[in-house]
Amino acid sequence: MSTFSLSDLEATIAERARSGDSGSWTAKLFSRGIDKAAQKLGEEAVETVIAAVHGDRQALISESADLVYHWLVVLAISGVPLAEVLGELERRTTQSGIAEKASRQTPA
């Protein structure tokens, strides 16, 4: 099993974003801004769903990796640390998913 973590990937993204390396996809995404990064995140989400629906395990693994990477890029560009997202997930584990979702509903 890999010891590579989302925190490791977050750190790599931050390092490459600062590099200014013209050969770095991460640096290019950062230079293009949130609109382009969010577009890529959406594309990868759709590709991940398609792989899942088709039952293509290898494509699902590959597209999921792309999805997680682009999600972390969007978080980084937005100035949202992964730790804050993980903290929110941890907070949600203290109640049922149904109750948590109901708490986010806006009154009609």
PDB file of N, CA and C in Angstrom:
ATOM      1  N   MET A   1       0.839  -1.176   0.000  1.00  0.00           N
ATOM      2  CA  MET A   1       0.000   0.000   0.000  1.00  0.00           C
ATOM      3  C   MET A   1       0.890   1.248   0.000  1.00  0.00           C
ATOM      4  N   SER A   2       0.455   2.243  -0.699  1.00  0.00           N
ATOM      5  CA  SER A   2       1.222   3.477  -0.823  1.00  0.00           C
ATOM      6  C   SER A   2       1.165   4.316   0.451  1.00  0.00           C
ATOM      7  N   THR A   3       2.272   4.970   0.750  1.00  0.00           N
ATOM      8  CA  THR A   3       2.287   5.902   1.879  1.00  0.00           C
ATOM      9  C   THR A   3       2.057   7.332   1.390  1.00  0.00           C
ATOM     10  N   PHE A   4       1.877   7.502   0.085  1.00  0.00           N
ATOM     11  CA  PHE A   4       1.603   8.804  -0.501  1.00  0.00           C
ATOM     12  C   PHE A   4       0.232   9.275  -0.017  1.00  0.00           C
ATOM     13  N   SER A   5       0.147  10.540   0.374  1.00  0.00           N
ATOM     14  CA  SER A   5      -1.110  11.044   0.933  1.00  0.00           C
ATOM     15  C   SER A   5      -1.611  12.267   0.174  1.00  0.00           C
ATOM     16  N   LEU A   6      -2.843  12.642   0.447  1.00  0.00           N
ATOM     17  CA  LEU A   6      -3.384  13.871  -0.129  1.00  0.00           C
ATOM     18  C   LEU A   6      -2.578  15.076   0.331  1.00  0.00           C
ATOM     19  N   SER A   7      -2.085  15.034   1.546  1.00  0.00           N
ATOM     20  CA  SER A   7      -1.240  16.125   2.038  1.00  0.00           C
ATOM     21  C   SER A   7       0.056  16.218   1.246  1.00  0.00           C
ATOM     22  N   ASP A   8       0.618  15.065   0.869  1.00  0.00           N
ATOM     23  CA  ASP A   8       1.813  15.062   0.015  1.00  0.00           C
ATOM     24  C   ASP A   8       1.508  15.717  -1.327  1.00  0.00           C
ATOM     25  N   LEU A   9       0.369  15.354  -1.911  1.00  0.00           N
ATOM     26  CA  LEU A   9      -0.017  15.931  -3.192  1.00  0.00           C
ATOM     27  C   LEU A   9      -0.270  17.430  -3.060  1.00  0.00           C
ATOM     28  N   GLU A  10      -0.906  17.833  -1.976  1.00  0.00           N
ATOM     29  CA  GLU A  10      -1.143  19.258  -1.738  1.00  0.00           C
ATOM     30  C   GLU A  10       0.183  20.019  -1.692  1.00  0.00           C
ATOM     31  N   ALA A  11       1.169  19.466  -1.020  1.00  0.00           N
ATOM     32  CA  ALA A  11       2.484  20.110  -0.919  1.00  0.00           C
ATOM     33  C   ALA A  11       3.172  20.179  -2.284  1.00  0.00           C
ATOM     34  N   THR A  12       3.067  19.120  -3.068  1.00  0.00           N
ATOM     35  CA  THR A  12       3.657  19.105  -4.409  1.00  0.00           C
ATOM     36  C   THR A  12       3.003  20.157  -5.292  1.00  0.00           C
ATOM     37  N   ILE A  13       1.683  20.267  -5.202  1.00  0.00           N
ATOM     38  CA  ILE A  13       0.958  21.269  -5.984  1.00  0.00           C
ATOM     39  C   ILE A  13       1.419  22.668  -5.605  1.00  0.00           C
ATOM     40  N   ALA A  14       1.540  22.938  -4.316  1.00  0.00           N
ATOM     41  CA  ALA A  14       1.987  24.260  -3.856  1.00  0.00           C
ATOM     42  C   ALA A  14       3.385  24.578  -4.381  1.00  0.00           C
ATOM     43  N   GLU A  15       4.264  23.601  -4.324  1.00  0.00           N
ATOM     44  CA  GLU A  15       5.643  23.790  -4.796  1.00  0.00           C
ATOM     45  C   GLU A  15       5.674  24.069  -6.292  1.00  0.00           C
ATOM     46  N   ARG A  16       4.933  23.283  -7.053  1.00  0.00           N
ATOM     47  CA  ARG A  16       4.940  23.467  -8.512  1.00  0.00           C
ATOM     48  C   ARG A  16       4.233  24.753  -8.921  1.00  0.00           C
ATOM     49  N   ALA A  17       3.233  25.154  -8.167  1.00  0.00           N
ATOM     50  CA  ALA A  17       2.518  26.398  -8.474  1.00  0.00           C
ATOM     51  C   ALA A  17       3.456  27.587  -8.375  1.00  0.00           C
ATOM     52  N   ARG A  18       4.347  27.550  -7.407  1.00  0.00           N
ATOM     53  CA  ARG A  18       5.308  28.644  -7.193  1.00  0.00           C
ATOM     54  C   ARG A  18       6.495  28.590  -8.150  1.00  0.00           C
ATOM     55  N   SER A  19       6.676  27.453  -8.805  1.00  0.00           N
ATOM     56  CA  SER A  19       7.884  27.241  -9.602  1.00  0.00           C
ATOM     57  C   SER A  19       7.964  28.133 -10.836  1.00  0.00           C
ATOM     58  N   GLY A  20       6.817  28.468 -11.420  1.00  0.00           N
ATOM     59  CA  GLY A  20       6.838  29.231 -12.658  1.00  0.00           C
ATOM     60  C   GLY A  20       7.369  28.437 -13.837  1.00  0.00           C
ATOM     61  N   ASP A  21       7.547  27.149 -13.654  1.00  0.00           N
ATOM     62  CA  ASP A  21       8.078  26.266 -14.695  1.00  0.00           C
ATOM     63  C   ASP A  21       7.076  26.161 -15.847  1.00  0.00           C
ATOM     64  N   SER A  22       7.493  26.577 -17.043  1.00  0.00           N
ATOM     65  CA  SER A  22       6.595  26.550 -18.197  1.00  0.00           C
ATOM     66  C   SER A  22       6.229  25.126 -18.612  1.00  0.00           C
ATOM     67  N   GLY A  23       6.973  24.149 -18.144  1.00  0.00           N
ATOM     68  CA  GLY A  23       6.678  22.750 -18.449  1.00  0.00           C
ATOM     69  C   GLY A  23       5.801  22.083 -17.406  1.00  0.00           C
ATOM     70  N   SER A  24       5.361  22.849 -16.411  1.00  0.00           N
ATOM     71  CA  SER A  24       4.552  22.295 -15.327  1.00  0.00           C
ATOM     72  C   SER A  24       3.072  22.577 -15.583  1.00  0.00           C
ATOM     73  N   TRP A  25       2.274  21.513 -15.664  1.00  0.00           N
ATOM     74  CA  TRP A  25       0.833  21.668 -15.833  1.00  0.00           C
ATOM     75  C   TRP A  25       0.250  22.428 -14.644  1.00  0.00           C
ATOM     76  N   THR A  26       0.748  22.157 -13.466  1.00  0.00           N
ATOM     77  CA  THR A  26       0.257  22.841 -12.268  1.00  0.00           C
ATOM     78  C   THR A  26       0.522  24.341 -12.360  1.00  0.00           C
ATOM     79  N   ALA A  27       1.731  24.718 -12.732  1.00  0.00           N
ATOM     80  CA  ALA A  27       2.063  26.143 -12.868  1.00  0.00           C
ATOM     81  C   ALA A  27       1.188  26.800 -13.927  1.00  0.00           C
ATOM     82  N   LYS A  28       0.927  26.092 -15.028  1.00  0.00           N
ATOM     83  CA  LYS A  28       0.068  26.635 -16.080  1.00  0.00           C
ATOM     84  C   LYS A  28      -1.353  26.835 -15.564  1.00  0.00           C
ATOM     85  N   LEU A  29      -1.880  25.860 -14.823  1.00  0.00           N
ATOM     86  CA  LEU A  29      -3.233  26.006 -14.277  1.00  0.00           C
ATOM     87  C   LEU A  29      -3.315  27.209 -13.344  1.00  0.00           C
ATOM     88  N   PHE A  30      -2.322  27.356 -12.490  1.00  0.00           N
ATOM     89  CA  PHE A  30      -2.315  28.501 -11.572  1.00  0.00           C
ATOM     90  C   PHE A  30      -2.270  29.815 -12.340  1.00  0.00           C
ATOM     91  N   SER A  31      -1.478  29.864 -13.397  1.00  0.00           N
ATOM     92  CA  SER A  31      -1.375  31.110 -14.164  1.00  0.00           C
ATOM     93  C   SER A  31      -2.662  31.413 -14.922  1.00  0.00           C
ATOM     94  N   ARG A  32      -3.415  30.390 -15.268  1.00  0.00           N
ATOM     95  CA  ARG A  32      -4.679  30.588 -15.992  1.00  0.00           C
ATOM     96  C   ARG A  32      -5.826  30.943 -15.046  1.00  0.00           C
ATOM     97  N   GLY A  33      -5.655  30.641 -13.773  1.00  0.00           N
ATOM     98  CA  GLY A  33      -6.635  31.065 -12.779  1.00  0.00           C
ATOM     99  C   GLY A  33      -7.744  30.080 -12.480  1.00  0.00           C
ATOM    100  N   ILE A  34      -8.623  30.520 -11.598  1.00  0.00           N
ATOM    101  CA  ILE A  34      -9.675  29.666 -11.064  1.00  0.00           C
ATOM    102  C   ILE A  34     -10.651  29.196 -12.131  1.00  0.00           C
ATOM    103  N   ASP A  35     -10.968  30.034 -13.112  1.00  0.00           N
ATOM    104  CA  ASP A  35     -11.935  29.620 -14.134  1.00  0.00           C
ATOM    105  C   ASP A  35     -11.452  28.372 -14.880  1.00  0.00           C
ATOM    106  N   LYS A  36     -10.208  28.389 -15.322  1.00  0.00           N
ATOM    107  CA  LYS A  36      -9.654  27.244 -16.059  1.00  0.00           C
ATOM    108  C   LYS A  36      -9.517  26.026 -15.143  1.00  0.00           C
ATOM    109  N   ALA A  37      -9.042  26.244 -13.919  1.00  0.00           N
ATOM    110  CA  ALA A  37      -8.876  25.124 -12.986  1.00  0.00           C
ATOM    111  C   ALA A  37     -10.222  24.496 -12.657  1.00  0.00           C
ATOM    112  N   ALA A  38     -11.233  25.319 -12.441  1.00  0.00           N
ATOM    113  CA  ALA A  38     -12.571  24.797 -12.134  1.00  0.00           C
ATOM    114  C   ALA A  38     -13.160  24.063 -13.336  1.00  0.00           C
ATOM    115  N   GLN A  39     -12.907  24.575 -14.528  1.00  0.00           N
ATOM    116  CA  GLN A  39     -13.368  23.892 -15.742  1.00  0.00           C
ATOM    117  C   GLN A  39     -12.751  22.499 -15.827  1.00  0.00           C
ATOM    118  N   LYS A  40     -11.447  22.411 -15.586  1.00  0.00           N
ATOM    119  CA  LYS A  40     -10.768  21.112 -15.622  1.00  0.00           C
ATOM    120  C   LYS A  40     -11.323  20.181 -14.547  1.00  0.00           C
ATOM    121  N   LEU A  41     -11.599  20.708 -13.364  1.00  0.00           N
ATOM    122  CA  LEU A  41     -12.188  19.901 -12.292  1.00  0.00           C
ATOM    123  C   LEU A  41     -13.517  19.315 -12.762  1.00  0.00           C
ATOM    124  N   GLY A  42     -14.353  20.142 -13.380  1.00  0.00           N
ATOM    125  CA  GLY A  42     -15.644  19.667 -13.885  1.00  0.00           C
ATOM    126  C   GLY A  42     -15.484  18.595 -14.950  1.00  0.00           C
ATOM    127  N   GLU A  43     -14.556  18.797 -15.867  1.00  0.00           N
ATOM    128  CA  GLU A  43     -14.303  17.801 -16.915  1.00  0.00           C
ATOM    129  C   GLU A  43     -13.884  16.469 -16.312  1.00  0.00           C
ATOM    130  N   GLU A  44     -12.986  16.531 -15.335  1.00  0.00           N
ATOM    131  CA  GLU A  44     -12.512  15.294 -14.704  1.00  0.00           C
ATOM    132  C   GLU A  44     -13.626  14.609 -13.919  1.00  0.00           C
ATOM    133  N   ALA A  45     -14.514  15.386 -13.313  1.00  0.00           N
ATOM    134  CA  ALA A  45     -15.645  14.801 -12.585  1.00  0.00           C
ATOM    135  C   ALA A  45     -16.537  14.021 -13.546  1.00  0.00           C
ATOM    136  N   VAL A  46     -16.823  14.606 -14.692  1.00  0.00           N
ATOM    137  CA  VAL A  46     -17.659  13.932 -15.685  1.00  0.00           C
ATOM    138  C   VAL A  46     -16.972  12.657 -16.176  1.00  0.00           C
ATOM    139  N   GLU A  47     -15.686  12.738 -16.472  1.00  0.00           N
ATOM    140  CA  GLU A  47     -14.947  11.565 -16.941  1.00  0.00           C
ATOM    141  C   GLU A  47     -14.915  10.461 -15.884  1.00  0.00           C
ATOM    142  N   THR A  48     -14.845  10.851 -14.618  1.00  0.00           N
ATOM    143  CA  THR A  48     -14.863   9.875 -13.532  1.00  0.00           C
ATOM    144  C   THR A  48     -16.216   9.180 -13.465  1.00  0.00           C
ATOM    145  N   VAL A  49     -17.276   9.943 -13.584  1.00  0.00           N
ATOM    146  CA  VAL A  49     -18.627   9.370 -13.568  1.00  0.00           C
ATOM    147  C   VAL A  49     -18.809   8.399 -14.733  1.00  0.00           C
ATOM    148  N   ILE A  50     -18.367   8.796 -15.901  1.00  0.00           N
ATOM    149  CA  ILE A  50     -18.505   7.926 -17.080  1.00  0.00           C
ATOM    150  C   ILE A  50     -17.761   6.613 -16.864  1.00  0.00           C
ATOM    151  N   ALA A  51     -16.550   6.690 -16.335  1.00  0.00           N
ATOM    152  CA  ALA A  51     -15.777   5.461 -16.071  1.00  0.00           C
ATOM    153  C   ALA A  51     -16.502   4.575 -15.067  1.00  0.00           C
ATOM    154  N   ALA A  52     -17.089   5.167 -14.043  1.00  0.00           N
ATOM    155  CA  ALA A  52     -17.809   4.388 -13.030  1.00  0.00           C
ATOM    156  C   ALA A  52     -19.038   3.716 -13.634  1.00  0.00           C
ATOM    157  N   VAL A  53     -19.807   4.470 -14.404  1.00  0.00           N
ATOM    158  CA  VAL A  53     -21.028   3.925 -15.009  1.00  0.00           C
ATOM    159  C   VAL A  53     -20.705   2.794 -15.981  1.00  0.00           C
ATOM    160  N   HIS A  54     -19.597   2.926 -16.684  1.00  0.00           N
ATOM    161  CA  HIS A  54     -19.192   1.885 -17.631  1.00  0.00           C
ATOM    162  C   HIS A  54     -18.519   0.693 -16.952  1.00  0.00           C
ATOM    163  N   GLY A  55     -18.282   0.806 -15.668  1.00  0.00           N
ATOM    164  CA  GLY A  55     -17.647  -0.302 -14.949  1.00  0.00           C
ATOM    165  C   GLY A  55     -16.196  -0.514 -15.347  1.00  0.00           C
ATOM    166  N   ASP A  56     -15.544   0.522 -15.826  1.00  0.00           N
ATOM    167  CA  ASP A  56     -14.149   0.435 -16.267  1.00  0.00           C
ATOM    168  C   ASP A  56     -13.246   0.771 -15.084  1.00  0.00           C
ATOM    169  N   ARG A  57     -12.821  -0.250 -14.386  1.00  0.00           N
ATOM    170  CA  ARG A  57     -12.052  -0.089 -13.144  1.00  0.00           C
ATOM    171  C   ARG A  57     -10.793   0.737 -13.352  1.00  0.00           C
ATOM    172  N   GLN A  58     -10.002   0.401 -14.371  1.00  0.00           N
ATOM    173  CA  GLN A  58      -8.743   1.107 -14.581  1.00  0.00           C
ATOM    174  C   GLN A  58      -8.984   2.572 -14.936  1.00  0.00           C
ATOM    175  N   ALA A  59      -9.976   2.820 -15.773  1.00  0.00           N
ATOM    176  CA  ALA A  59     -10.302   4.210 -16.109  1.00  0.00           C
ATOM    177  C   ALA A  59     -10.808   4.952 -14.879  1.00  0.00           C
ATOM    178  N   LEU A  60     -11.570   4.265 -14.038  1.00  0.00           N
ATOM    179  CA  LEU A  60     -12.072   4.891 -12.816  1.00  0.00           C
ATOM    180  C   LEU A  60     -10.916   5.287 -11.900  1.00  0.00           C
ATOM    181  N   ILE A  61      -9.927   4.443 -11.794  1.00  0.00           N
ATOM    182  CA  ILE A  61      -8.748   4.761 -10.979  1.00  0.00           C
ATOM    183  C   ILE A  61      -8.021   5.967 -11.576  1.00  0.00           C
ATOM    184  N   SER A  62      -7.780   5.936 -12.866  1.00  0.00           N
ATOM    185  CA  SER A  62      -7.050   7.014 -13.534  1.00  0.00           C
ATOM    186  C   SER A  62      -7.807   8.340 -13.470  1.00  0.00           C
ATOM    187  N   GLU A  63      -9.085   8.294 -13.783  1.00  0.00           N
ATOM    188  CA  GLU A  63      -9.886   9.527 -13.766  1.00  0.00           C
ATOM    189  C   GLU A  63     -10.060  10.051 -12.343  1.00  0.00           C
ATOM    190  N   SER A  64     -10.142   9.162 -11.369  1.00  0.00           N
ATOM    191  CA  SER A  64     -10.242   9.595  -9.972  1.00  0.00           C
ATOM    192  C   SER A  64      -8.974  10.324  -9.552  1.00  0.00           C
ATOM    193  N   ALA A  65      -7.831   9.830  -9.992  1.00  0.00           N
ATOM    194  CA  ALA A  65      -6.566  10.513  -9.697  1.00  0.00           C
ATOM    195  C   ALA A  65      -6.567  11.912 -10.310  1.00  0.00           C
ATOM    196  N   ASP A  66      -7.026  12.018 -11.563  1.00  0.00           N
ATOM    197  CA  ASP A  66      -7.123  13.334 -12.202  1.00  0.00           C
ATOM    198  C   ASP A  66      -8.085  14.246 -11.447  1.00  0.00           C
ATOM    199  N   LEU A  67      -9.203  13.677 -11.024  1.00  0.00           N
ATOM    200  CA  LEU A  67     -10.214  14.448 -10.298  1.00  0.00           C
ATOM    201  C   LEU A  67      -9.656  14.983  -8.987  1.00  0.00           C
ATOM    202  N   VAL A  68      -9.001  14.141  -8.216  1.00  0.00           N
ATOM    203  CA  VAL A  68      -8.448  14.562  -6.924  1.00  0.00           C
ATOM    204  C   VAL A  68      -7.379  15.636  -7.130  1.00  0.00           C
ATOM    205  N   TYR A  69      -6.521  15.435  -8.113  1.00  0.00           N
ATOM    206  CA  TYR A  69      -5.484  16.424  -8.412  1.00  0.00           C
ATOM    207  C   TYR A  69      -6.115  17.785  -8.731  1.00  0.00           C
ATOM    208  N   HIS A  70      -7.061  17.807  -9.656  1.00  0.00           N
ATOM    209  CA  HIS A  70      -7.669  19.085 -10.053  1.00  0.00           C
ATOM    210  C   HIS A  70      -8.470  19.703  -8.916  1.00  0.00           C
ATOM    211  N   TRP A  71      -9.088  18.883  -8.068  1.00  0.00           N
ATOM    212  CA  TRP A  71      -9.797  19.382  -6.889  1.00  0.00           C
ATOM    213  C   TRP A  71      -8.821  20.104  -5.963  1.00  0.00           C
ATOM    214  N   LEU A  72      -7.656  19.493  -5.733  1.00  0.00           N
ATOM    215  CA  LEU A  72      -6.663  20.125  -4.862  1.00  0.00           C
ATOM    216  C   LEU A  72      -6.111  21.408  -5.483  1.00  0.00           C
ATOM    217  N   VAL A  73      -5.982  21.457  -6.798  1.00  0.00           N
ATOM    218  CA  VAL A  73      -5.545  22.691  -7.465  1.00  0.00           C
ATOM    219  C   VAL A  73      -6.582  23.786  -7.244  1.00  0.00           C
ATOM    220  N   VAL A  74      -7.862  23.461  -7.409  1.00  0.00           N
ATOM    221  CA  VAL A  74      -8.922  24.452  -7.197  1.00  0.00           C
ATOM    222  C   VAL A  74      -8.907  24.940  -5.746  1.00  0.00           C
ATOM    223  N   LEU A  75      -8.739  24.023  -4.808  1.00  0.00           N
ATOM    224  CA  LEU A  75      -8.644  24.435  -3.405  1.00  0.00           C
ATOM    225  C   LEU A  75      -7.467  25.382  -3.196  1.00  0.00           C
ATOM    226  N   ALA A  76      -6.315  25.034  -3.755  1.00  0.00           N
ATOM    227  CA  ALA A  76      -5.110  25.846  -3.565  1.00  0.00           C
ATOM    228  C   ALA A  76      -5.284  27.238  -4.171  1.00  0.00           C
ATOM    229  N   ILE A  77      -5.804  27.309  -5.387  1.00  0.00           N
ATOM    230  CA  ILE A  77      -6.012  28.607  -6.020  1.00  0.00           C
ATOM    231  C   ILE A  77      -6.982  29.445  -5.196  1.00  0.00           C
ATOM    232  N   SER A  78      -7.949  28.771  -4.576  1.00  0.00           N
ATOM    233  CA  SER A  78      -8.959  29.456  -3.770  1.00  0.00           C
ATOM    234  C   SER A  78      -8.489  29.776  -2.361  1.00  0.00           C
ATOM    235  N   GLY A  79      -7.293  29.317  -2.017  1.00  0.00           N
ATOM    236  CA  GLY A  79      -6.753  29.583  -0.686  1.00  0.00           C
ATOM    237  C   GLY A  79      -7.402  28.761   0.407  1.00  0.00           C
ATOM    238  N   VAL A  80      -7.908  27.585   0.047  1.00  0.00           N
ATOM    239  CA  VAL A  80      -8.557  26.698   1.019  1.00  0.00           C
ATOM    240  C   VAL A  80      -7.638  25.508   1.277  1.00  0.00           C
ATOM    241  N   PRO A  81      -7.083  25.408   2.484  1.00  0.00           N
ATOM    242  CA  PRO A  81      -6.215  24.270   2.794  1.00  0.00           C
ATOM    243  C   PRO A  81      -7.012  22.968   2.896  1.00  0.00           C
ATOM    244  N   LEU A  82      -6.404  21.888   2.468  1.00  0.00           N
ATOM    245  CA  LEU A  82      -7.014  20.563   2.571  1.00  0.00           C
ATOM    246  C   LEU A  82      -7.449  20.278   4.005  1.00  0.00           C
ATOM    247  N   ALA A  83      -6.676  20.724   4.977  1.00  0.00           N
ATOM    248  CA  ALA A  83      -7.001  20.478   6.389  1.00  0.00           C
ATOM    249  C   ALA A  83      -8.382  21.015   6.754  1.00  0.00           C
ATOM    250  N   GLU A  84      -8.788  22.130   6.146  1.00  0.00           N
ATOM    251  CA  GLU A  84     -10.114  22.677   6.441  1.00  0.00           C
ATOM    252  C   GLU A  84     -11.221  21.779   5.889  1.00  0.00           C
ATOM    253  N   VAL A  85     -11.008  21.213   4.714  1.00  0.00           N
ATOM    254  CA  VAL A  85     -11.990  20.293   4.137  1.00  0.00           C
ATOM    255  C   VAL A  85     -12.066  19.022   4.981  1.00  0.00           C
ATOM    256  N   LEU A  86     -10.909  18.514   5.369  1.00  0.00           N
ATOM    257  CA  LEU A  86     -10.888  17.317   6.212  1.00  0.00           C
ATOM    258  C   LEU A  86     -11.538  17.590   7.567  1.00  0.00           C
ATOM    259  N   GLY A  87     -11.336  18.795   8.101  1.00  0.00           N
ATOM    260  CA  GLY A  87     -11.988  19.175   9.352  1.00  0.00           C
ATOM    261  C   GLY A  87     -13.500  19.185   9.213  1.00  0.00           C
ATOM    262  N   GLU A  88     -13.980  19.670   8.090  1.00  0.00           N
ATOM    263  CA  GLU A  88     -15.425  19.672   7.841  1.00  0.00           C
ATOM    264  C   GLU A  88     -15.964  18.249   7.731  1.00  0.00           C
ATOM    265  N   LEU A  89     -15.223  17.389   7.040  1.00  0.00           N
ATOM    266  CA  LEU A  89     -15.642  15.990   6.947  1.00  0.00           C
ATOM    267  C   LEU A  89     -15.658  15.333   8.329  1.00  0.00           C
ATOM    268  N   GLU A  90     -14.649  15.621   9.117  1.00  0.00           N
ATOM    269  CA  GLU A  90     -14.597  15.071  10.472  1.00  0.00           C
ATOM    270  C   GLU A  90     -15.789  15.555  11.292  1.00  0.00           C
ATOM    271  N   ARG A  91     -16.111  16.831  11.184  1.00  0.00           N
ATOM    272  CA  ARG A  91     -17.250  17.388  11.909  1.00  0.00           C
ATOM    273  C   ARG A  91     -18.540  16.679  11.517  1.00  0.00           C
ATOM    274  N   ARG A  92     -18.666  16.378  10.237  1.00  0.00           N
ATOM    275  CA  ARG A  92     -19.889  15.732   9.747  1.00  0.00           C
ATOM    276  C   ARG A  92     -20.040  14.301  10.227  1.00  0.00           C
ATOM    277  N   THR A  93     -18.949  13.665  10.601  1.00  0.00           N
ATOM    278  CA  THR A  93     -19.052  12.276  11.059  1.00  0.00           C
ATOM    279  C   THR A  93     -19.699  12.177  12.431  1.00  0.00           C
ATOM    280  N   THR A  94     -19.928  13.307  13.093  1.00  0.00           N
ATOM    281  CA  THR A  94     -20.544  13.284  14.417  1.00  0.00           C
ATOM    282  C   THR A  94     -22.061  13.232  14.357  1.00  0.00           C
ATOM    283  N   GLN A  95     -22.626  13.257  13.138  1.00  0.00           N
ATOM    284  CA  GLN A  95     -24.078  13.160  12.998  1.00  0.00           C
ATOM    285  C   GLN A  95     -24.391  12.320  11.771  1.00  0.00           C
ATOM    286  N   SER A  96     -25.632  11.901  11.656  1.00  0.00           N
ATOM    287  CA  SER A  96     -26.005  11.099  10.494  1.00  0.00           C
ATOM    288  C   SER A  96     -25.926  11.951   9.238  1.00  0.00           C
ATOM    289  N   GLY A  97     -25.689  11.312   8.113  1.00  0.00           N
ATOM    290  CA  GLY A  97     -25.626  12.025   6.844  1.00  0.00           C
ATOM    291  C   GLY A  97     -26.932  12.719   6.510  1.00  0.00           C
ATOM    292  N   ILE A  98     -28.038  12.091   6.849  1.00  0.00           N
ATOM    293  CA  ILE A  98     -29.342  12.681   6.567  1.00  0.00           C
ATOM    294  C   ILE A  98     -29.540  13.943   7.406  1.00  0.00           C
ATOM    295  N   ALA A  99     -29.193  13.876   8.672  1.00  0.00           N
ATOM    296  CA  ALA A  99     -29.332  15.050   9.546  1.00  0.00           C
ATOM    297  C   ALA A  99     -28.395  16.159   9.110  1.00  0.00           C
ATOM    298  N   GLU A 100     -27.185  15.807   8.725  1.00  0.00           N
ATOM    299  CA  GLU A 100     -26.212  16.803   8.296  1.00  0.00           C
ATOM    300  C   GLU A 100     -26.710  17.503   7.038  1.00  0.00           C
ATOM    301  N   LYS A 101     -27.213  16.739   6.082  1.00  0.00           N
ATOM    302  CA  LYS A 101     -27.701  17.331   4.842  1.00  0.00           C
ATOM    303  C   LYS A 101     -28.902  18.234   5.120  1.00  0.00           C
ATOM    304  N   ALA A 102     -29.788  17.799   6.003  1.00  0.00           N
ATOM    305  CA  ALA A 102     -30.965  18.609   6.352  1.00  0.00           C
ATOM    306  C   ALA A 102     -30.546  19.931   6.986  1.00  0.00           C
ATOM    307  N   SER A 103     -29.442  19.921   7.739  1.00  0.00           N
ATOM    308  CA  SER A 103     -28.985  21.144   8.389  1.00  0.00           C
ATOM    309  C   SER A 103     -28.485  22.175   7.388  1.00  0.00           C
ATOM    310  N   ARG A 104     -28.138  21.733   6.177  1.00  0.00           N
ATOM    311  CA  ARG A 104     -27.646  22.647   5.134  1.00  0.00           C
ATOM    312  C   ARG A 104     -28.762  23.166   4.240  1.00  0.00           C
ATOM    313  N   GLN A 105     -29.965  22.633   4.370  1.00  0.00           N
ATOM    314  CA  GLN A 105     -31.090  23.053   3.533  1.00  0.00           C
ATOM    315  C   GLN A 105     -31.514  24.464   3.918  1.00  0.00           C
ATOM    316  N   THR A 106     -31.789  25.257   2.905  1.00  0.00           N
ATOM    317  CA  THR A 106     -32.302  26.606   3.163  1.00  0.00           C
ATOM    318  C   THR A 106     -33.813  26.538   3.244  1.00  0.00           C
ATOM    319  N   PRO A 107     -34.411  27.248   4.185  1.00  0.00           N
ATOM    320  CA  PRO A 107     -35.863  27.214   4.304  1.00  0.00           C
ATOM    321  C   PRO A 107     -36.542  27.749   3.032  1.00  0.00           C
ATOM    322  N   ALA A 108     -37.682  27.168   2.708  1.00  0.00           N
ATOM    323  CA  ALA A 108     -38.410  27.579   1.499  1.00  0.00           C
ATOM    324  C   ALA A 108     -39.174  28.852   1.717  1.00  0.00           C
TER     325      ALA A 108
END
